[in-house]
Amino acid sequence: MSNQQVQLNIRFKAKPGKKEEFRKELYSLIEEMSSEKAFISAIVSDDLDQPDDLIIYETWQGTRDSWLAEEFNKPYRKNYEGTLGDLIVDRSVSWLQPKGEWGSHITNA
């Protein structure tokens, strides 16, 4: 397995009144994906300034290409993706590569 790591910073904007239902779906996804060999960590946060927004920050072993090839097509992700149309208005994904870290030992940076 690669010594590289990739991080995903994903912002979701929930439909009005759907944030907690979406949170349940997201937490179910995290329970599934956290058993994957390449999974390192996930942190879910609420945006204090945007009450309908949730952000997940994931760290994975590998590269963006390896994540897309190995993780994106998992059956549980397809089920999750199928629920999103009813729960979110928007999603934006940033792909990151860790270069420095202080206060934790999550990355290889």
PDB file of N, CA and C in Angstrom:
ATOM      1  N   MET A   1       0.841  -1.184   0.000  1.00  0.00           N
ATOM      2  CA  MET A   1       0.000   0.000   0.000  1.00  0.00           C
ATOM      3  C   MET A   1       0.881   1.240   0.000  1.00  0.00           C
ATOM      4  N   SER A   2       0.446   2.243  -0.681  1.00  0.00           N
ATOM      5  CA  SER A   2       1.186   3.497  -0.795  1.00  0.00           C
ATOM      6  C   SER A   2       1.364   4.169   0.560  1.00  0.00           C
ATOM      7  N   ASN A   3       2.489   4.864   0.712  1.00  0.00           N
ATOM      8  CA  ASN A   3       2.723   5.658   1.913  1.00  0.00           C
ATOM      9  C   ASN A   3       2.088   7.039   1.782  1.00  0.00           C
ATOM     10  N   GLN A   4       1.560   7.350   0.597  1.00  0.00           N
ATOM     11  CA  GLN A   4       0.911   8.638   0.370  1.00  0.00           C
ATOM     12  C   GLN A   4      -0.457   8.665   1.038  1.00  0.00           C
ATOM     13  N   GLN A   5      -0.927   9.869   1.285  1.00  0.00           N
ATOM     14  CA  GLN A   5      -2.269  10.047   1.815  1.00  0.00           C
ATOM     15  C   GLN A   5      -2.991  11.114   1.014  1.00  0.00           C
ATOM     16  N   VAL A   6      -4.300  10.976   0.978  1.00  0.00           N
ATOM     17  CA  VAL A   6      -5.153  11.964   0.329  1.00  0.00           C
ATOM     18  C   VAL A   6      -6.261  12.318   1.312  1.00  0.00           C
ATOM     19  N   GLN A   7      -6.664  13.570   1.265  1.00  0.00           N
ATOM     20  CA  GLN A   7      -7.746  14.022   2.127  1.00  0.00           C
ATOM     21  C   GLN A   7      -8.854  14.602   1.269  1.00  0.00           C
ATOM     22  N   LEU A   8     -10.061  14.364   1.698  1.00  0.00           N
ATOM     23  CA  LEU A   8     -11.234  14.927   1.043  1.00  0.00           C
ATOM     24  C   LEU A   8     -11.901  15.873   2.022  1.00  0.00           C
ATOM     25  N   ASN A   9     -12.146  17.082   1.584  1.00  0.00           N
ATOM     26  CA  ASN A   9     -12.907  18.053   2.352  1.00  0.00           C
ATOM     27  C   ASN A   9     -14.199  18.263   1.569  1.00  0.00           C
ATOM     28  N   ILE A  10     -15.305  17.767   2.104  1.00  0.00           N
ATOM     29  CA  ILE A  10     -16.566  17.780   1.370  1.00  0.00           C
ATOM     30  C   ILE A  10     -17.587  18.606   2.144  1.00  0.00           C
ATOM     31  N   ARG A  11     -18.128  19.602   1.477  1.00  0.00           N
ATOM     32  CA  ARG A  11     -19.161  20.462   2.077  1.00  0.00           C
ATOM     33  C   ARG A  11     -20.499  20.099   1.450  1.00  0.00           C
ATOM     34  N   PHE A  12     -21.471  19.829   2.300  1.00  0.00           N
ATOM     35  CA  PHE A  12     -22.832  19.524   1.874  1.00  0.00           C
ATOM     36  C   PHE A  12     -23.762  20.626   2.347  1.00  0.00           C
ATOM     37  N   LYS A  13     -24.667  21.042   1.492  1.00  0.00           N
ATOM     38  CA  LYS A  13     -25.737  21.955   1.887  1.00  0.00           C
ATOM     39  C   LYS A  13     -27.026  21.144   1.880  1.00  0.00           C
ATOM     40  N   ALA A  14     -27.566  20.924   3.071  1.00  0.00           N
ATOM     41  CA  ALA A  14     -28.785  20.131   3.206  1.00  0.00           C
ATOM     42  C   ALA A  14     -30.000  20.937   2.761  1.00  0.00           C
ATOM     43  N   LYS A  15     -30.996  20.227   2.257  1.00  0.00           N
ATOM     44  CA  LYS A  15     -32.270  20.867   1.949  1.00  0.00           C
ATOM     45  C   LYS A  15     -32.900  21.325   3.261  1.00  0.00           C
ATOM     46  N   PRO A  16     -33.705  22.382   3.218  1.00  0.00           N
ATOM     47  CA  PRO A  16     -34.347  22.859   4.447  1.00  0.00           C
ATOM     48  C   PRO A  16     -35.099  21.732   5.162  1.00  0.00           C
ATOM     49  N   GLY A  17     -34.834  21.597   6.445  1.00  0.00           N
ATOM     50  CA  GLY A  17     -35.492  20.579   7.257  1.00  0.00           C
ATOM     51  C   GLY A  17     -34.946  19.171   7.090  1.00  0.00           C
ATOM     52  N   LYS A  18     -33.899  18.985   6.301  1.00  0.00           N
ATOM     53  CA  LYS A  18     -33.377  17.644   6.006  1.00  0.00           C
ATOM     54  C   LYS A  18     -31.995  17.384   6.606  1.00  0.00           C
ATOM     55  N   LYS A  19     -31.442  18.335   7.337  1.00  0.00           N
ATOM     56  CA  LYS A  19     -30.060  18.197   7.815  1.00  0.00           C
ATOM     57  C   LYS A  19     -29.874  16.966   8.698  1.00  0.00           C
ATOM     58  N   GLU A  20     -30.763  16.744   9.651  1.00  0.00           N
ATOM     59  CA  GLU A  20     -30.579  15.615  10.566  1.00  0.00           C
ATOM     60  C   GLU A  20     -30.797  14.279   9.864  1.00  0.00           C
ATOM     61  N   GLU A  21     -31.713  14.229   8.925  1.00  0.00           N
ATOM     62  CA  GLU A  21     -31.902  13.008   8.131  1.00  0.00           C
ATOM     63  C   GLU A  21     -30.655  12.733   7.296  1.00  0.00           C
ATOM     64  N   PHE A  22     -30.099  13.794   6.701  1.00  0.00           N
ATOM     65  CA  PHE A  22     -28.860  13.633   5.949  1.00  0.00           C
ATOM     66  C   PHE A  22     -27.725  13.183   6.863  1.00  0.00           C
ATOM     67  N   ARG A  23     -27.640  13.773   8.050  1.00  0.00           N
ATOM     68  CA  ARG A  23     -26.581  13.396   8.997  1.00  0.00           C
ATOM     69  C   ARG A  23     -26.637  11.887   9.294  1.00  0.00           C
ATOM     70  N   LYS A  24     -27.832  11.340   9.479  1.00  0.00           N
ATOM     71  CA  LYS A  24     -27.976   9.894   9.728  1.00  0.00           C
ATOM     72  C   LYS A  24     -27.414   9.083   8.565  1.00  0.00           C
ATOM     73  N   GLU A  25     -27.732   9.501   7.346  1.00  0.00           N
ATOM     74  CA  GLU A  25     -27.213   8.799   6.163  1.00  0.00           C
ATOM     75  C   GLU A  25     -25.695   8.905   6.091  1.00  0.00           C
ATOM     76  N   LEU A  26     -25.172  10.087   6.371  1.00  0.00           N
ATOM     77  CA  LEU A  26     -23.722  10.291   6.338  1.00  0.00           C
ATOM     78  C   LEU A  26     -23.033   9.438   7.394  1.00  0.00           C
ATOM     79  N   TYR A  27     -23.582   9.406   8.602  1.00  0.00           N
ATOM     80  CA  TYR A  27     -22.980   8.600   9.670  1.00  0.00           C
ATOM     81  C   TYR A  27     -23.022   7.110   9.325  1.00  0.00           C
ATOM     82  N   SER A  28     -24.089   6.667   8.681  1.00  0.00           N
ATOM     83  CA  SER A  28     -24.153   5.263   8.238  1.00  0.00           C
ATOM     84  C   SER A  28     -23.066   4.971   7.212  1.00  0.00           C
ATOM     85  N   LEU A  29     -22.852   5.914   6.293  1.00  0.00           N
ATOM     86  CA  LEU A  29     -21.772   5.760   5.314  1.00  0.00           C
ATOM     87  C   LEU A  29     -20.425   5.664   6.021  1.00  0.00           C
ATOM     88  N   ILE A  30     -20.192   6.535   6.989  1.00  0.00           N
ATOM     89  CA  ILE A  30     -18.912   6.534   7.702  1.00  0.00           C
ATOM     90  C   ILE A  30     -18.704   5.212   8.430  1.00  0.00           C
ATOM     91  N   GLU A  31     -19.753   4.667   9.033  1.00  0.00           N
ATOM     92  CA  GLU A  31     -19.633   3.363   9.696  1.00  0.00           C
ATOM     93  C   GLU A  31     -19.157   2.301   8.714  1.00  0.00           C
ATOM     94  N   GLU A  32     -19.695   2.320   7.506  1.00  0.00           N
ATOM     95  CA  GLU A  32     -19.287   1.354   6.474  1.00  0.00           C
ATOM     96  C   GLU A  32     -17.856   1.612   6.021  1.00  0.00           C
ATOM     97  N   MET A  33     -17.556   2.852   5.644  1.00  0.00           N
ATOM     98  CA  MET A  33     -16.246   3.131   5.050  1.00  0.00           C
ATOM     99  C   MET A  33     -15.118   3.048   6.065  1.00  0.00           C
ATOM    100  N   SER A  34     -15.421   3.199   7.345  1.00  0.00           N
ATOM    101  CA  SER A  34     -14.360   3.170   8.354  1.00  0.00           C
ATOM    102  C   SER A  34     -13.730   1.788   8.512  1.00  0.00           C
ATOM    103  N   SER A  35     -14.360   0.770   7.955  1.00  0.00           N
ATOM    104  CA  SER A  35     -13.767  -0.571   8.007  1.00  0.00           C
ATOM    105  C   SER A  35     -12.864  -0.854   6.805  1.00  0.00           C
ATOM    106  N   GLU A  36     -12.783   0.082   5.864  1.00  0.00           N
ATOM    107  CA  GLU A  36     -11.930  -0.104   4.691  1.00  0.00           C
ATOM    108  C   GLU A  36     -10.456  -0.033   5.080  1.00  0.00           C
ATOM    109  N   LYS A  37      -9.652  -0.840   4.415  1.00  0.00           N
ATOM    110  CA  LYS A  37      -8.220  -0.924   4.717  1.00  0.00           C
ATOM    111  C   LYS A  37      -7.511   0.424   4.574  1.00  0.00           C
ATOM    112  N   ALA A  38      -7.887   1.222   3.589  1.00  0.00           N
ATOM    113  CA  ALA A  38      -7.209   2.493   3.323  1.00  0.00           C
ATOM    114  C   ALA A  38      -7.737   3.650   4.176  1.00  0.00           C
ATOM    115  N   PHE A  39      -8.815   3.425   4.917  1.00  0.00           N
ATOM    116  CA  PHE A  39      -9.413   4.490   5.729  1.00  0.00           C
ATOM    117  C   PHE A  39      -8.513   4.826   6.910  1.00  0.00           C
ATOM    118  N   ILE A  40      -8.315   6.129   7.148  1.00  0.00           N
ATOM    119  CA  ILE A  40      -7.553   6.588   8.310  1.00  0.00           C
ATOM    120  C   ILE A  40      -8.456   7.302   9.299  1.00  0.00           C
ATOM    121  N   SER A  41      -9.195   8.319   8.843  1.00  0.00           N
ATOM    122  CA  SER A  41     -10.049   9.054   9.780  1.00  0.00           C
ATOM    123  C   SER A  41     -11.109   9.849   9.037  1.00  0.00           C
ATOM    124  N   ALA A  42     -12.128  10.251   9.786  1.00  0.00           N
ATOM    125  CA  ALA A  42     -13.158  11.156   9.275  1.00  0.00           C
ATOM    126  C   ALA A  42     -13.623  12.040  10.423  1.00  0.00           C
ATOM    127  N   ILE A  43     -13.819  13.303  10.118  1.00  0.00           N
ATOM    128  CA  ILE A  43     -14.338  14.267  11.082  1.00  0.00           C
ATOM    129  C   ILE A  43     -15.518  14.964  10.421  1.00  0.00           C
ATOM    130  N   VAL A  44     -16.658  14.986  11.096  1.00  0.00           N
ATOM    131  CA  VAL A  44     -17.838  15.685  10.595  1.00  0.00           C
ATOM    132  C   VAL A  44     -18.048  16.920  11.459  1.00  0.00           C
ATOM    133  N   SER A  45     -18.272  18.048  10.807  1.00  0.00           N
ATOM    134  CA  SER A  45     -18.479  19.313  11.521  1.00  0.00           C
ATOM    135  C   SER A  45     -19.698  20.032  10.968  1.00  0.00           C
ATOM    136  N   ASP A  46     -20.348  20.799  11.837  1.00  0.00           N
ATOM    137  CA  ASP A  46     -21.378  21.739  11.413  1.00  0.00           C
ATOM    138  C   ASP A  46     -20.715  23.087  11.188  1.00  0.00           C
ATOM    139  N   ASP A  47     -21.173  23.805  10.177  1.00  0.00           N
ATOM    140  CA  ASP A  47     -20.689  25.161   9.925  1.00  0.00           C
ATOM    141  C   ASP A  47     -21.508  26.114  10.791  1.00  0.00           C
ATOM    142  N   LEU A  48     -20.852  26.802  11.702  1.00  0.00           N
ATOM    143  CA  LEU A  48     -21.549  27.692  12.626  1.00  0.00           C
ATOM    144  C   LEU A  48     -22.197  28.879  11.927  1.00  0.00           C
ATOM    145  N   ASP A  49     -21.693  29.248  10.758  1.00  0.00           N
ATOM    146  CA  ASP A  49     -22.236  30.388  10.021  1.00  0.00           C
ATOM    147  C   ASP A  49     -23.246  29.998   8.944  1.00  0.00           C
ATOM    148  N   GLN A  50     -23.270  28.737   8.573  1.00  0.00           N
ATOM    149  CA  GLN A  50     -24.188  28.234   7.545  1.00  0.00           C
ATOM    150  C   GLN A  50     -24.945  27.049   8.147  1.00  0.00           C
ATOM    151  N   PRO A  51     -26.082  27.277   8.806  1.00  0.00           N
ATOM    152  CA  PRO A  51     -26.732  26.228   9.592  1.00  0.00           C
ATOM    153  C   PRO A  51     -27.183  24.992   8.810  1.00  0.00           C
ATOM    154  N   ASP A  52     -27.323  25.083   7.501  1.00  0.00           N
ATOM    155  CA  ASP A  52     -27.720  23.910   6.715  1.00  0.00           C
ATOM    156  C   ASP A  52     -26.525  23.115   6.194  1.00  0.00           C
ATOM    157  N   ASP A  53     -25.307  23.567   6.505  1.00  0.00           N
ATOM    158  CA  ASP A  53     -24.102  22.932   5.963  1.00  0.00           C
ATOM    159  C   ASP A  53     -23.464  21.957   6.946  1.00  0.00           C
ATOM    160  N   LEU A  54     -23.026  20.815   6.411  1.00  0.00           N
ATOM    161  CA  LEU A  54     -22.187  19.851   7.118  1.00  0.00           C
ATOM    162  C   LEU A  54     -20.921  19.682   6.299  1.00  0.00           C
ATOM    163  N   ILE A  55     -19.818  19.487   6.993  1.00  0.00           N
ATOM    164  CA  ILE A  55     -18.535  19.286   6.330  1.00  0.00           C
ATOM    165  C   ILE A  55     -17.938  17.993   6.863  1.00  0.00           C
ATOM    166  N   ILE A  56     -17.450  17.167   5.960  1.00  0.00           N
ATOM    167  CA  ILE A  56     -16.710  15.976   6.372  1.00  0.00           C
ATOM    168  C   ILE A  56     -15.286  16.116   5.851  1.00  0.00           C
ATOM    169  N   TYR A  57     -14.360  15.773   6.710  1.00  0.00           N
ATOM    170  CA  TYR A  57     -12.936  15.836   6.393  1.00  0.00           C
ATOM    171  C   TYR A  57     -12.403  14.421   6.559  1.00  0.00           C
ATOM    172  N   GLU A  58     -12.078  13.779   5.446  1.00  0.00           N
ATOM    173  CA  GLU A  58     -11.642  12.381   5.446  1.00  0.00           C
ATOM    174  C   GLU A  58     -10.157  12.294   5.120  1.00  0.00           C
ATOM    175  N   THR A  59      -9.465  11.371   5.763  1.00  0.00           N
ATOM    176  CA  THR A  59      -8.075  11.070   5.430  1.00  0.00           C
ATOM    177  C   THR A  59      -7.997   9.600   5.030  1.00  0.00           C
ATOM    178  N   TRP A  60      -7.368   9.359   3.888  1.00  0.00           N
ATOM    179  CA  TRP A  60      -7.244   8.018   3.321  1.00  0.00           C
ATOM    180  C   TRP A  60      -5.791   7.746   2.957  1.00  0.00           C
ATOM    181  N   GLN A  61      -5.401   6.492   3.068  1.00  0.00           N
ATOM    182  CA  GLN A  61      -4.104   6.047   2.574  1.00  0.00           C
ATOM    183  C   GLN A  61      -4.208   5.926   1.065  1.00  0.00           C
ATOM    184  N   GLY A  62      -3.247   6.475   0.339  1.00  0.00           N
ATOM    185  CA  GLY A  62      -3.240   6.357  -1.115  1.00  0.00           C
ATOM    186  C   GLY A  62      -3.274   7.710  -1.795  1.00  0.00           C
ATOM    187  N   THR A  63      -3.738   7.700  -3.020  1.00  0.00           N
ATOM    188  CA  THR A  63      -3.799   8.902  -3.853  1.00  0.00           C
ATOM    189  C   THR A  63      -5.245   9.143  -4.281  1.00  0.00           C
ATOM    190  N   ARG A  64      -5.491  10.274  -4.912  1.00  0.00           N
ATOM    191  CA  ARG A  64      -6.834  10.523  -5.440  1.00  0.00           C
ATOM    192  C   ARG A  64      -7.213   9.428  -6.432  1.00  0.00           C
ATOM    193  N   ASP A  65      -6.277   9.082  -7.322  1.00  0.00           N
ATOM    194  CA  ASP A  65      -6.569   8.049  -8.321  1.00  0.00           C
ATOM    195  C   ASP A  65      -6.874   6.705  -7.673  1.00  0.00           C
ATOM    196  N   SER A  66      -6.103   6.320  -6.655  1.00  0.00           N
ATOM    197  CA  SER A  66      -6.367   5.032  -6.002  1.00  0.00           C
ATOM    198  C   SER A  66      -7.695   5.073  -5.254  1.00  0.00           C
ATOM    199  N   TRP A  67      -8.028   6.216  -4.641  1.00  0.00           N
ATOM    200  CA  TRP A  67      -9.313   6.338  -3.945  1.00  0.00           C
ATOM    201  C   TRP A  67     -10.460   6.186  -4.943  1.00  0.00           C
ATOM    202  N   LEU A  68     -10.361   6.890  -6.065  1.00  0.00           N
ATOM    203  CA  LEU A  68     -11.424   6.809  -7.067  1.00  0.00           C
ATOM    204  C   LEU A  68     -11.564   5.396  -7.625  1.00  0.00           C
ATOM    205  N   ALA A  69     -10.446   4.714  -7.820  1.00  0.00           N
ATOM    206  CA  ALA A  69     -10.480   3.356  -8.371  1.00  0.00           C
ATOM    207  C   ALA A  69     -10.991   2.337  -7.359  1.00  0.00           C
ATOM    208  N   GLU A  70     -10.625   2.494  -6.087  1.00  0.00           N
ATOM    209  CA  GLU A  70     -10.901   1.459  -5.089  1.00  0.00           C
ATOM    210  C   GLU A  70     -12.100   1.749  -4.193  1.00  0.00           C
ATOM    211  N   GLU A  71     -12.379   2.993  -3.899  1.00  0.00           N
ATOM    212  CA  GLU A  71     -13.409   3.314  -2.909  1.00  0.00           C
ATOM    213  C   GLU A  71     -14.716   3.814  -3.512  1.00  0.00           C
ATOM    214  N   PHE A  72     -14.630   4.594  -4.554  1.00  0.00           N
ATOM    215  CA  PHE A  72     -15.820   5.272  -5.061  1.00  0.00           C
ATOM    216  C   PHE A  72     -16.906   4.309  -5.523  1.00  0.00           C
ATOM    217  N   ASN A  73     -16.534   3.168  -6.054  1.00  0.00           N
ATOM    218  CA  ASN A  73     -17.510   2.241  -6.635  1.00  0.00           C
ATOM    219  C   ASN A  73     -18.022   1.177  -5.679  1.00  0.00           C
ATOM    220  N   LYS A  74     -17.754   1.311  -4.398  1.00  0.00           N
ATOM    221  CA  LYS A  74     -18.244   0.332  -3.418  1.00  0.00           C
ATOM    222  C   LYS A  74     -19.778   0.342  -3.416  1.00  0.00           C
ATOM    223  N   PRO A  75     -20.405  -0.829  -3.271  1.00  0.00           N
ATOM    224  CA  PRO A  75     -21.878  -0.886  -3.288  1.00  0.00           C
ATOM    225  C   PRO A  75     -22.540   0.014  -2.242  1.00  0.00           C
ATOM    226  N   TYR A  76     -21.978   0.104  -1.046  1.00  0.00           N
ATOM    227  CA  TYR A  76     -22.608   0.941  -0.026  1.00  0.00           C
ATOM    228  C   TYR A  76     -22.564   2.419  -0.404  1.00  0.00           C
ATOM    229  N   ARG A  77     -21.570   2.826  -1.174  1.00  0.00           N
ATOM    230  CA  ARG A  77     -21.519   4.221  -1.638  1.00  0.00           C
ATOM    231  C   ARG A  77     -22.610   4.487  -2.673  1.00  0.00           C
ATOM    232  N   LYS A  78     -22.880   3.516  -3.523  1.00  0.00           N
ATOM    233  CA  LYS A  78     -23.938   3.692  -4.517  1.00  0.00           C
ATOM    234  C   LYS A  78     -25.289   3.863  -3.830  1.00  0.00           C
ATOM    235  N   ASN A  79     -25.535   3.077  -2.785  1.00  0.00           N
ATOM    236  CA  ASN A  79     -26.782   3.219  -2.026  1.00  0.00           C
ATOM    237  C   ASN A  79     -26.879   4.609  -1.410  1.00  0.00           C
ATOM    238  N   TYR A  80     -25.794   5.055  -0.809  1.00  0.00           N
ATOM    239  CA  TYR A  80     -25.736   6.377  -0.184  1.00  0.00           C
ATOM    240  C   TYR A  80     -25.974   7.471  -1.225  1.00  0.00           C
ATOM    241  N   GLU A  81     -25.283   7.385  -2.356  1.00  0.00           N
ATOM    242  CA  GLU A  81     -25.440   8.390  -3.411  1.00  0.00           C
ATOM    243  C   GLU A  81     -26.895   8.471  -3.870  1.00  0.00           C
ATOM    244  N   GLY A  82     -27.586   7.340  -3.856  1.00  0.00           N
ATOM    245  CA  GLY A  82     -28.984   7.317  -4.271  1.00  0.00           C
ATOM    246  C   GLY A  82     -29.913   8.087  -3.351  1.00  0.00           C
ATOM    247  N   THR A  83     -29.513   8.315  -2.107  1.00  0.00           N
ATOM    248  CA  THR A  83     -30.356   9.052  -1.159  1.00  0.00           C
ATOM    249  C   THR A  83     -30.140  10.557  -1.216  1.00  0.00           C
ATOM    250  N   LEU A  84     -29.037  10.995  -1.804  1.00  0.00           N
ATOM    251  CA  LEU A  84     -28.649  12.402  -1.693  1.00  0.00           C
ATOM    252  C   LEU A  84     -29.600  13.377  -2.374  1.00  0.00           C
ATOM    253  N   GLY A  85     -30.210  12.984  -3.466  1.00  0.00           N
ATOM    254  CA  GLY A  85     -31.098  13.891  -4.187  1.00  0.00           C
ATOM    255  C   GLY A  85     -32.245  14.413  -3.340  1.00  0.00           C
ATOM    256  N   ASP A  86     -32.710  13.609  -2.396  1.00  0.00           N
ATOM    257  CA  ASP A  86     -33.802  14.021  -1.519  1.00  0.00           C
ATOM    258  C   ASP A  86     -33.327  14.836  -0.323  1.00  0.00           C
ATOM    259  N   LEU A  87     -32.007  14.843  -0.068  1.00  0.00           N
ATOM    260  CA  LEU A  87     -31.515  15.405   1.191  1.00  0.00           C
ATOM    261  C   LEU A  87     -30.621  16.627   1.060  1.00  0.00           C
ATOM    262  N   ILE A  88     -29.919  16.768  -0.064  1.00  0.00           N
ATOM    263  CA  ILE A  88     -28.988  17.900  -0.182  1.00  0.00           C
ATOM    264  C   ILE A  88     -29.278  18.731  -1.426  1.00  0.00           C
ATOM    265  N   VAL A  89     -28.878  19.993  -1.338  1.00  0.00           N
ATOM    266  CA  VAL A  89     -29.003  20.927  -2.450  1.00  0.00           C
ATOM    267  C   VAL A  89     -27.708  20.968  -3.246  1.00  0.00           C
ATOM    268  N   ASP A  90     -26.584  20.860  -2.534  1.00  0.00           N
ATOM    269  CA  ASP A  90     -25.285  21.031  -3.177  1.00  0.00           C
ATOM    270  C   ASP A  90     -24.219  20.256  -2.414  1.00  0.00           C
ATOM    271  N   ARG A  91     -23.150  19.933  -3.139  1.00  0.00           N
ATOM    272  CA  ARG A  91     -21.980  19.278  -2.544  1.00  0.00           C
ATOM    273  C   ARG A  91     -20.756  19.781  -3.288  1.00  0.00           C
ATOM    274  N   SER A  92     -19.731  20.158  -2.532  1.00  0.00           N
ATOM    275  CA  SER A  92     -18.461  20.531  -3.162  1.00  0.00           C
ATOM    276  C   SER A  92     -17.349  19.710  -2.527  1.00  0.00           C
ATOM    277  N   VAL A  93     -16.453  19.210  -3.373  1.00  0.00           N
ATOM    278  CA  VAL A  93     -15.372  18.331  -2.931  1.00  0.00           C
ATOM    279  C   VAL A  93     -14.040  18.987  -3.243  1.00  0.00           C
ATOM    280  N   SER A  94     -13.172  19.029  -2.244  1.00  0.00           N
ATOM    281  CA  SER A  94     -11.783  19.452  -2.444  1.00  0.00           C
ATOM    282  C   SER A  94     -10.889  18.263  -2.136  1.00  0.00           C
ATOM    283  N   TRP A  95      -9.958  17.984  -3.025  1.00  0.00           N
ATOM    284  CA  TRP A  95      -8.964  16.927  -2.839  1.00  0.00           C
ATOM    285  C   TRP A  95      -7.692  17.574  -2.310  1.00  0.00           C
ATOM    286  N   LEU A  96      -7.180  17.070  -1.208  1.00  0.00           N
ATOM    287  CA  LEU A  96      -6.035  17.682  -0.542  1.00  0.00           C
ATOM    288  C   LEU A  96      -4.935  16.658  -0.319  1.00  0.00           C
ATOM    289  N   GLN A  97      -3.708  17.142  -0.256  1.00  0.00           N
ATOM    290  CA  GLN A  97      -2.572  16.300   0.103  1.00  0.00           C
ATOM    291  C   GLN A  97      -1.899  16.937   1.313  1.00  0.00           C
ATOM    292  N   PRO A  98      -1.825  16.208   2.436  1.00  0.00           N
ATOM    293  CA  PRO A  98      -1.252  16.795   3.647  1.00  0.00           C
ATOM    294  C   PRO A  98       0.228  17.120   3.478  1.00  0.00           C
ATOM    295  N   LYS A  99       0.610  18.288   3.977  1.00  0.00           N
ATOM    296  CA  LYS A  99       2.000  18.744   3.904  1.00  0.00           C
ATOM    297  C   LYS A  99       2.560  19.142   5.264  1.00  0.00           C
ATOM    298  N   GLY A 100       1.732  19.274   6.263  1.00  0.00           N
ATOM    299  CA  GLY A 100       2.178  19.619   7.610  1.00  0.00           C
ATOM    300  C   GLY A 100       1.071  19.292   8.593  1.00  0.00           C
ATOM    301  N   GLU A 101       1.447  18.992   9.836  1.00  0.00           N
ATOM    302  CA  GLU A 101       0.452  18.613  10.838  1.00  0.00           C
ATOM    303  C   GLU A 101       0.980  18.956  12.224  1.00  0.00           C
ATOM    304  N   TRP A 102       0.103  19.503  13.044  1.00  0.00           N
ATOM    305  CA  TRP A 102       0.451  19.844  14.416  1.00  0.00           C
ATOM    306  C   TRP A 102      -0.681  19.392  15.328  1.00  0.00           C
ATOM    307  N   GLY A 103      -0.344  18.836  16.464  1.00  0.00           N
ATOM    308  CA  GLY A 103      -1.339  18.498  17.472  1.00  0.00           C
ATOM    309  C   GLY A 103      -2.005  17.149  17.313  1.00  0.00           C
ATOM    310  N   SER A 104      -1.709  16.425  16.257  1.00  0.00           N
ATOM    311  CA  SER A 104      -2.241  15.074  16.083  1.00  0.00           C
ATOM    312  C   SER A 104      -1.237  14.273  15.263  1.00  0.00           C
ATOM    313  N   HIS A 105      -1.553  13.019  15.071  1.00  0.00           N
ATOM    314  CA  HIS A 105      -0.676  12.143  14.285  1.00  0.00           C
ATOM    315  C   HIS A 105      -1.511  11.360  13.278  1.00  0.00           C
ATOM    316  N   ILE A 106      -2.392  12.060  12.593  1.00  0.00           N
ATOM    317  CA  ILE A 106      -3.288  11.423  11.637  1.00  0.00           C
ATOM    318  C   ILE A 106      -2.606  11.214  10.293  1.00  0.00           C
ATOM    319  N   THR A 107      -1.796  12.179   9.876  1.00  0.00           N
ATOM    320  CA  THR A 107      -1.190  12.108   8.547  1.00  0.00           C
ATOM    321  C   THR A 107       0.283  11.735   8.633  1.00  0.00           C
ATOM    322  N   ASN A 108       0.854  11.507   7.468  1.00  0.00           N
ATOM    323  CA  ASN A 108       2.294  11.248   7.371  1.00  0.00           C
ATOM    324  C   ASN A 108       3.076  12.532   7.130  1.00  0.00           C
ATOM    325  N   ALA A 109       2.413  13.686   7.204  1.00  0.00           N
ATOM    326  CA  ALA A 109       3.082  14.967   6.901  1.00  0.00           C
ATOM    327  C   ALA A 109       4.106  15.318   7.968  1.00  0.00           C
TER     328      ALA A 109
END
